[in-house]
Protein backbone atom coordinates (compact mmCIF):
# COMPACT_ATOMS: atom_id res chain seq x y z
CA LEU A 1 49.71 -81.57 55.30
CA PHE A 2 49.58 -84.97 57.00
CA SER A 3 53.10 -86.35 57.35
CA LEU A 4 52.50 -89.53 59.34
CA ALA A 5 55.63 -91.70 59.11
CA ASN A 6 57.10 -92.60 62.50
CA PRO A 7 59.41 -91.86 64.11
CA ASP A 8 60.47 -89.31 61.49
CA PRO A 9 57.77 -87.69 59.34
CA GLU A 10 58.39 -87.66 55.59
CA ILE A 11 58.54 -83.87 55.70
CA ASP A 12 60.06 -81.92 58.56
CA PRO A 13 57.13 -80.30 60.42
CA ASP A 14 58.94 -76.96 60.74
CA LEU A 15 59.44 -76.85 56.97
CA ALA A 16 55.85 -77.96 56.36
CA TYR A 17 54.48 -75.19 58.60
CA ARG A 18 56.28 -72.63 56.48
CA TYR A 19 54.53 -73.84 53.33
CA GLY A 20 51.42 -75.73 54.39
CA GLY A 21 49.54 -73.91 57.10
CA VAL A 22 48.05 -76.97 58.83
CA VAL A 23 50.37 -79.84 59.69
CA ALA A 24 49.69 -83.17 61.38
CA THR A 25 52.09 -85.98 62.20
CA GLY A 26 52.02 -89.29 64.00
CA ARG A 27 54.30 -87.96 66.72
CA SER A 28 53.05 -87.36 70.25
CA ASP A 29 55.57 -84.56 70.85
CA LEU A 30 54.08 -82.35 68.12
CA PRO A 31 50.65 -80.75 67.74
CA ASN A 32 47.95 -82.57 65.77
CA GLN A 33 48.99 -86.13 66.48
CA ILE A 34 47.06 -88.44 64.16
CA ASN A 35 46.83 -91.80 65.88
CA ASN A 36 44.29 -94.61 66.04
CA VAL A 37 44.29 -94.27 69.84
CA LEU A 38 41.74 -91.50 69.28
CA ALA A 39 39.20 -94.00 67.98
CA PHE A 40 39.81 -97.48 69.30
CA PRO A 41 38.92 -97.22 73.01
CA GLY A 42 35.58 -95.61 72.18
CA ILE A 43 34.86 -97.86 69.22
CA PHE A 44 35.34 -101.02 71.24
CA HIS A 45 33.50 -99.68 74.28
CA GLY A 46 30.56 -98.58 72.15
CA ALA A 47 30.45 -101.86 70.26
CA LEU A 48 30.52 -103.90 73.46
CA ALA A 49 27.92 -101.70 75.14
CA ALA A 50 25.60 -102.06 72.15
CA GLY A 51 26.12 -105.81 71.84
CA ALA A 52 27.51 -105.38 68.34
CA THR A 53 28.79 -108.47 66.58
CA GLU A 54 30.91 -106.55 64.11
CA ILE A 55 32.39 -103.10 63.48
CA THR A 56 30.52 -101.68 60.50
CA PRO A 57 31.47 -98.84 58.16
CA ALA A 58 28.64 -96.78 59.69
CA MET A 59 30.16 -97.25 63.14
CA LYS A 60 33.54 -96.06 61.86
CA VAL A 61 31.95 -92.99 60.28
CA ALA A 62 30.11 -92.28 63.53
CA ALA A 63 33.41 -92.54 65.42
CA SER A 64 35.17 -90.13 63.08
CA ARG A 65 32.32 -87.64 63.30
CA ALA A 66 32.38 -87.82 67.10
CA ILE A 67 36.13 -87.14 67.12
CA ALA A 68 35.60 -84.18 64.78
CA LYS A 69 32.88 -82.80 67.03
CA VAL A 70 35.15 -82.97 70.08
CA ALA A 71 37.90 -81.26 68.05
CA GLU A 72 35.57 -78.35 67.23
CA GLU A 73 35.67 -77.22 70.86
CA HIS A 74 39.33 -76.16 70.61
CA LEU A 75 39.78 -75.95 66.84
CA ASP A 76 42.76 -73.98 65.60
CA ILE A 77 45.82 -74.58 63.42
CA GLU A 78 47.52 -76.67 66.13
CA HIS A 79 44.36 -78.48 67.25
CA ILE A 80 42.61 -80.03 64.25
CA VAL A 81 42.16 -83.24 66.23
CA PRO A 82 41.68 -83.60 69.97
CA SER A 83 44.50 -84.80 72.16
CA PRO A 84 44.54 -88.56 72.71
CA LEU A 85 44.43 -87.66 76.41
CA ASP A 86 41.26 -85.55 76.11
CA PRO A 87 38.78 -87.21 78.48
CA ALA A 88 35.85 -86.29 76.21
CA VAL A 89 37.01 -88.35 73.22
CA ALA A 90 36.37 -91.97 74.24
CA PRO A 91 32.89 -91.34 75.71
CA ALA A 92 31.81 -89.34 72.65
CA VAL A 93 33.06 -92.04 70.29
CA SER A 94 31.50 -94.81 72.38
CA LYS A 95 28.09 -93.12 72.40
CA ALA A 96 28.20 -92.47 68.65
CA VAL A 97 29.29 -96.01 67.81
CA ALA A 98 26.60 -97.58 70.01
CA ALA A 99 23.98 -95.31 68.44
CA ALA A 100 25.12 -96.25 64.93
CA TRP A 101 24.81 -99.95 65.75
CA ALA A 102 21.39 -99.44 67.32
CA ALA A 103 20.15 -97.43 64.34
CA ALA A 104 21.19 -100.15 61.91
CA ASN A 105 19.84 -103.02 64.01
CA SER A 106 16.55 -101.83 65.42
């Protein structure tokens, strides 16, 4: 269940855990924070490093797959996405985004 309204999720996370199993919110004080900060530093770094002139759908897909791959390392009910502070996220996203641009423009 992704309850992403801030500052108060649409559904109380404690209630959602009782019925949903996997819960994510936009809040940094709860597990599974869904926030664009996971993607943007790496997307922009990768785009700049590759000399990209735009952010393409393929680059966004590559970024999301890189985030998912980092998440796999610690995957459990309270860790379906990596922490925004995980030092592996931005480099993984950057590398994937640059590779996606290079693949489409070589």
